[in-house]
Amino acid sequence: LPPEEREGAVVACDDWEPCSYNDVCTTDGACVATEYFSCLISDFWGGDPTKDCEVCDGSGPASPTRGCAAKDGHYVYNAGRDDRVCGCRIDGVVWPHGAQDPRRPCFICDVTQSRDAWVTDLDDVSCDVTAQSNWY
């Protein structure tokens, strides 16, 4: 914009940061935006690998997507909600991380091991055949 039209005008720009929104040009020509850290990205959560299934979409945390989208090959249980978590897509259903297989209780959704299959629940001693004295 010419200088005489800039006064009070809000000019959109793109700061090329995926986790920012409301990008605007300042009067000196800099592009500034509001950053957000609400997506399930492990770096935002202390490196937690169970919270690494989204990318920022640039729409901001108040948008219907909460500013996030599933990473390619990853799944989000309760996508678009504040209580969303990374999940496994098994037989067409997205299950939250830690969910137990309803048919086989010794298997769980563990996104650190598989995003598309149930895995053995290694933390459940009742499922460990080596810990059972009455199993044959």
Protein backbone atom coordinates (compact mmCIF):
# COMPACT_ATOMS: atom_id res chain seq x y z
CA LEU A 1 0.00 0.00 0.00
CA PRO A 2 1.15 3.53 -0.62
CA PRO A 3 2.15 5.34 2.62
CA GLU A 4 -0.96 7.55 2.57
CA GLU A 5 -3.21 4.42 2.61
CA ARG A 6 -1.29 2.51 5.30
CA GLU A 7 -2.47 4.61 8.24
CA GLY A 8 -4.73 2.32 10.30
CA ALA A 9 -4.94 -0.29 7.57
CA VAL A 10 -4.49 -3.94 8.44
CA VAL A 11 -2.67 -5.74 5.69
CA ALA A 12 -2.55 -9.52 5.72
CA CYS A 13 0.75 -11.28 5.18
CA ASP A 14 2.23 -14.71 5.80
CA ASP A 15 5.13 -15.18 8.21
CA TRP A 16 5.57 -18.76 6.90
CA GLU A 17 5.39 -20.15 10.43
CA PRO A 18 2.83 -22.99 10.47
CA CYS A 19 1.99 -22.54 14.17
CA SER A 20 0.94 -18.91 13.95
CA TYR A 21 -2.23 -17.06 12.97
CA ASN A 22 -3.56 -13.51 12.58
CA ASP A 23 -0.55 -12.60 10.46
CA VAL A 24 -0.47 -8.84 9.73
CA CYS A 25 1.99 -6.39 8.28
CA THR A 26 3.30 -3.69 10.61
CA THR A 27 3.77 -0.11 9.41
CA ASP A 28 7.48 -0.80 8.95
CA GLY A 29 6.71 -3.78 6.68
CA ALA A 30 7.40 -6.63 9.11
CA CYS A 31 5.00 -9.55 9.21
CA VAL A 32 3.97 -10.42 12.77
CA ALA A 33 1.63 -13.10 14.06
CA THR A 34 0.37 -14.84 17.17
CA GLU A 35 2.05 -18.17 17.87
CA TYR A 36 0.19 -21.12 19.34
CA PHE A 37 1.33 -24.41 20.84
CA SER A 38 -1.91 -26.37 21.23
CA CYS A 39 -1.26 -29.12 18.66
CA LEU A 40 -0.16 -32.63 19.51
CA ILE A 41 3.47 -32.14 18.49
CA SER A 42 6.00 -33.87 20.74
CA ASP A 43 8.24 -30.78 20.93
CA PHE A 44 5.34 -28.85 22.49
CA TRP A 45 4.85 -31.59 25.10
CA GLY A 46 8.37 -32.15 26.42
CA GLY A 47 9.24 -34.69 23.72
CA ASP A 48 6.36 -37.05 24.63
CA PRO A 49 6.11 -39.53 21.71
CA THR A 50 2.46 -40.27 22.54
CA LYS A 51 1.66 -36.64 21.66
CA ASP A 52 3.12 -36.47 18.17
CA CYS A 53 0.34 -36.91 15.63
CA GLU A 54 -0.59 -33.40 14.47
CA VAL A 55 0.80 -30.47 12.52
CA CYS A 56 -0.28 -26.85 12.79
CA ASP A 57 -2.66 -25.70 10.06
CA GLY A 58 -2.25 -21.96 10.73
CA SER A 59 -5.89 -21.32 11.60
CA GLY A 60 -5.28 -20.73 15.33
CA PRO A 61 -6.45 -22.43 18.52
CA ALA A 62 -9.94 -20.90 18.44
CA SER A 63 -10.76 -22.34 15.00
CA PRO A 64 -12.93 -25.46 14.54
CA THR A 65 -9.75 -27.52 13.99
CA ARG A 66 -8.04 -25.96 17.05
CA GLY A 67 -5.34 -24.95 14.57
CA CYS A 68 -4.24 -28.55 14.03
CA ALA A 69 -4.47 -31.35 11.47
CA ALA A 70 -3.38 -34.99 11.62
CA LYS A 71 0.14 -35.66 10.33
CA ASP A 72 0.28 -37.90 7.27
CA GLY A 73 -0.09 -41.51 8.41
CA HIS A 74 -1.21 -40.51 11.92
CA TYR A 75 -4.64 -40.48 13.57
CA VAL A 76 -6.31 -38.25 16.13
CA TYR A 77 -9.06 -39.44 18.46
CA ASN A 78 -11.62 -36.64 19.05
CA ALA A 79 -10.04 -34.49 16.34
CA GLY A 80 -10.97 -30.82 16.62
CA ARG A 81 -11.76 -31.06 20.33
CA ASP A 82 -9.78 -29.90 23.34
CA ASP A 83 -9.69 -33.47 24.71
CA ARG A 84 -8.19 -34.97 21.54
CA VAL A 85 -5.34 -37.49 21.77
CA CYS A 86 -3.21 -39.41 19.31
CA GLY A 87 -4.71 -42.73 18.31
CA CYS A 88 -4.65 -45.91 16.28
CA ARG A 89 -6.90 -46.59 13.30
CA ILE A 90 -7.83 -50.26 13.54
CA ASP A 91 -10.53 -51.85 11.37
CA GLY A 92 -11.78 -48.40 10.35
CA VAL A 93 -12.17 -47.09 13.92
CA VAL A 94 -9.86 -44.57 15.60
CA TRP A 95 -9.04 -45.61 19.17
CA PRO A 96 -7.28 -43.35 21.70
CA HIS A 97 -3.72 -44.12 22.77
CA GLY A 98 -3.89 -46.57 25.67
CA ALA A 99 -7.32 -47.97 24.74
CA GLN A 100 -7.80 -51.68 25.33
CA ASP A 101 -8.89 -54.02 22.54
CA PRO A 102 -12.53 -54.78 23.42
CA ARG A 103 -12.16 -58.38 22.22
CA ARG A 104 -8.69 -59.14 23.61
CA PRO A 105 -7.93 -57.29 26.85
CA CYS A 106 -4.19 -58.00 26.71
CA PHE A 107 -3.86 -55.78 23.63
CA ILE A 108 -3.91 -51.99 23.49
CA CYS A 109 -3.52 -49.06 21.13
CA ASP A 110 0.04 -47.84 21.64
CA VAL A 111 0.94 -45.15 19.12
CA THR A 112 4.63 -45.52 19.93
CA GLN A 113 4.55 -49.10 18.61
CA SER A 114 1.86 -49.12 15.90
CA ARG A 115 -0.74 -46.71 14.54
CA ASP A 116 -2.79 -49.37 12.78
CA ALA A 117 -2.75 -52.52 14.93
CA TRP A 118 -3.31 -53.63 18.51
CA VAL A 119 -0.10 -54.43 20.40
CA THR A 120 0.57 -56.51 23.50
CA ASP A 121 0.10 -54.55 26.71
CA LEU A 122 3.55 -54.95 28.21
CA ASP A 123 2.60 -53.09 31.41
CA ASP A 124 -0.23 -55.46 32.37
CA VAL A 125 1.22 -58.32 34.44
CA SER A 126 -2.01 -60.30 34.05
CA CYS A 127 -1.20 -60.60 30.35
CA ASP A 128 2.39 -61.77 30.90
CA VAL A 129 2.37 -65.56 30.55
CA THR A 130 5.81 -65.79 32.16
CA ALA A 131 4.40 -64.23 35.36
CA GLN A 132 1.54 -66.73 35.68
CA SER A 133 2.02 -69.86 37.75
CA ASN A 134 -1.32 -71.44 36.82
CA TRP A 135 -1.03 -71.14 33.00
CA TYR A 136 -0.10 -74.25 31.08
